[in-house]
Protein backbone atom coordinates (compact mmCIF):
# COMPACT_ATOMS: atom_id res chain seq x y z
CA MET A 1 4.18 -7.12 -5.34
CA VAL A 2 5.49 -9.39 -2.44
CA ALA A 3 3.25 -10.66 0.42
CA TYR A 4 4.26 -11.46 3.98
CA SER A 5 2.35 -13.16 6.60
CA PHE A 6 2.48 -12.31 10.39
CA ASN A 7 1.50 -13.72 13.68
CA LYS A 8 -1.69 -12.26 14.97
CA ARG A 9 0.11 -10.71 17.95
CA PHE A 10 1.72 -8.01 15.63
CA ALA A 11 -1.63 -7.23 13.77
CA ASP A 12 -2.48 -3.99 15.73
CA ARG A 13 1.12 -2.75 15.52
CA ILE A 14 1.34 -3.46 11.68
CA VAL A 15 -2.00 -1.54 11.17
CA ALA A 16 -0.83 1.44 13.31
CA GLY A 17 2.24 1.45 11.35
CA LEU A 18 0.55 1.77 8.12
CA GLU A 19 -0.50 5.24 9.16
CA PRO A 20 1.39 8.13 7.57
CA GLY A 21 3.85 9.91 9.85
CA PRO A 22 7.00 9.06 11.84
CA LEU A 23 7.32 5.69 13.57
CA LEU A 24 5.82 6.02 16.97
CA PRO A 25 5.46 3.54 19.80
CA GLY A 26 3.21 0.88 19.18
CA MET A 27 4.01 0.93 15.38
CA LYS A 28 5.70 -1.95 13.54
CA ARG A 29 7.44 -1.16 10.24
CA GLN A 30 9.93 -4.03 9.87
CA THR A 31 10.24 -7.71 9.72
CA ILE A 32 13.01 -10.16 9.98
CA ARG A 33 12.77 -13.11 7.66
CA ALA A 34 14.79 -16.18 6.60
CA PRO A 35 16.64 -15.98 3.32
CA ARG A 36 14.71 -17.26 0.34
CA LYS A 37 14.76 -16.93 -3.44
CA ARG A 38 12.93 -13.60 -3.71
CA HIS A 39 12.26 -11.09 -1.03
CA ALA A 40 10.90 -7.60 -1.60
CA ARG A 41 12.97 -4.97 -3.24
CA PRO A 42 13.06 -1.19 -2.10
CA GLY A 43 10.17 0.65 -3.95
CA GLU A 44 8.02 -2.55 -4.48
CA GLU A 45 4.56 -2.65 -2.95
CA LEU A 46 4.04 -5.17 -0.05
CA GLN A 47 0.94 -7.00 1.04
CA LEU A 48 0.82 -7.48 4.74
CA TYR A 49 -1.31 -10.32 5.90
CA VAL A 50 -2.29 -12.32 9.25
CA GLY A 51 -3.10 -15.93 8.63
CA MET A 52 -2.00 -16.37 5.11
CA ARG A 53 -2.74 -19.77 3.69
CA THR A 54 -5.56 -20.22 6.37
CA LEU A 55 -9.39 -19.78 6.46
CA SER A 56 -8.75 -16.85 8.81
CA CYS A 57 -6.34 -14.99 6.26
CA ARG A 58 -6.79 -11.14 6.49
CA LEU A 59 -4.97 -8.44 4.60
CA LEU A 60 -3.87 -5.80 7.05
CA GLY A 61 -2.76 -3.38 4.41
CA ARG A 62 -0.36 -2.44 1.82
CA ALA A 63 3.03 -0.64 2.25
CA ILE A 64 6.11 0.34 0.27
CA CYS A 65 9.35 -1.56 0.82
CA THR A 66 12.36 0.94 1.84
CA ALA A 67 14.98 -1.64 2.66
CA CYS A 68 15.92 -5.29 2.26
CA VAL A 69 19.27 -5.73 4.09
CA PRO A 70 21.19 -8.75 5.79
CA VAL A 71 20.65 -8.94 9.54
CA THR A 72 22.21 -11.16 12.00
CA LEU A 73 20.57 -11.67 15.40
CA ILE A 74 22.96 -12.96 18.28
CA LEU A 75 20.61 -14.03 20.96
CA GLY A 76 23.06 -15.71 23.45
CA ARG A 77 25.10 -14.38 26.36
CA GLN A 78 26.56 -11.34 24.45
CA PRO A 79 23.40 -10.30 22.37
CA SER A 80 23.85 -8.05 19.34
CA VAL A 81 22.14 -7.35 16.02
CA ILE A 82 24.18 -6.59 12.84
CA VAL A 83 22.31 -4.83 10.06
CA GLY A 84 23.82 -4.61 6.67
CA GLY A 85 27.49 -5.13 6.11
CA GLU A 86 27.43 -7.64 3.14
CA ASP A 87 28.39 -6.67 -0.39
CA GLY A 88 30.85 -4.08 0.80
CA GLY A 89 28.21 -1.95 2.69
CA LEU A 90 28.67 -0.65 6.26
CA ALA A 91 27.22 -2.74 9.08
CA GLN A 92 25.50 -1.23 11.93
CA ILE A 93 26.18 -3.33 15.10
CA ILE A 94 23.93 -2.84 18.05
CA THR A 95 25.18 -4.25 21.40
CA ASP A 96 24.04 -1.92 24.10
CA THR A 97 20.67 -2.50 25.93
CA PRO A 98 18.88 0.84 24.76
CA GLY A 99 19.77 -0.05 21.07
CA LEU A 100 18.56 -3.67 21.36
CA ASN A 101 15.49 -2.68 23.03
CA GLU A 102 14.80 -0.05 20.22
CA PHE A 103 15.58 -2.47 17.47
CA ALA A 104 13.03 -4.84 19.25
CA HIS A 105 10.40 -2.19 19.51
CA TYR A 106 10.59 -1.49 15.71
CA ASP A 107 10.01 -4.98 15.21
CA GLY A 108 6.80 -5.12 17.13
CA PHE A 109 8.09 -6.40 20.64
CA SER A 110 8.11 -4.43 23.87
CA ASN A 111 11.71 -4.92 24.35
CA TRP A 112 14.92 -7.11 23.70
CA ALA A 113 13.80 -9.89 26.19
CA ASP A 114 10.34 -10.12 24.56
CA LEU A 115 11.96 -10.47 21.27
CA CYS A 116 14.26 -13.25 22.55
CA GLY A 117 11.50 -15.00 24.25
CA PHE A 118 9.34 -14.98 20.95
CA TRP A 119 12.36 -16.45 18.98
CA ALA A 120 13.10 -18.99 21.73
CA ASP A 121 9.51 -20.23 21.52
CA ALA A 122 9.59 -20.26 17.67
CA HIS A 123 13.03 -21.64 17.31
CA PRO A 124 14.22 -23.50 20.36
CA GLY A 125 18.10 -23.80 20.91
CA LEU A 126 18.81 -21.06 18.16
CA LEU A 127 21.48 -18.68 19.39
CA GLU A 128 22.36 -17.04 16.01
CA PHE A 129 20.00 -16.13 13.23
CA ARG A 130 21.08 -14.84 9.59
CA GLY A 131 18.44 -13.47 7.38
CA VAL A 132 17.06 -10.29 5.91
CA LEU A 133 15.53 -7.32 7.53
CA ILE A 134 12.69 -5.75 5.46
CA ARG A 135 11.62 -2.22 6.28
CA TRP A 136 8.58 -0.44 4.75
CA GLU A 137 6.83 2.90 4.97
CA PRO A 138 2.89 3.52 4.40
CA ARG A 139 1.97 4.15 1.04
CA PRO A 140 1.59 7.71 -0.01
């Protein structure tokens, strides 16, 4: 089992996304993370928290990992998102505004500009990020 901690601004969207059924507006079922020794693998159970390692730690719920793939965010003048593509897999490249807004929406933001603002606050000066995209579905 792998645990992930989230900013409290995403708590309601994560809880909504743990409801069975299709992904709807206001739901979050993915996260972007920096590379580390061990991320979740498809089929593994995830524990989703707010405030891990603090006195206000709260388990939002459990989910099943459906994907853990490379992701690149290009936040500069010609924004794009590249999902997958390493290890011989095909990459999905998103460059159009509707596609970027949809990607941001799935990650819990209102649109691409909201995502970029969050990243600018958290990582000043960062114009390109390479990490992993972890997706999940509610437990059956």
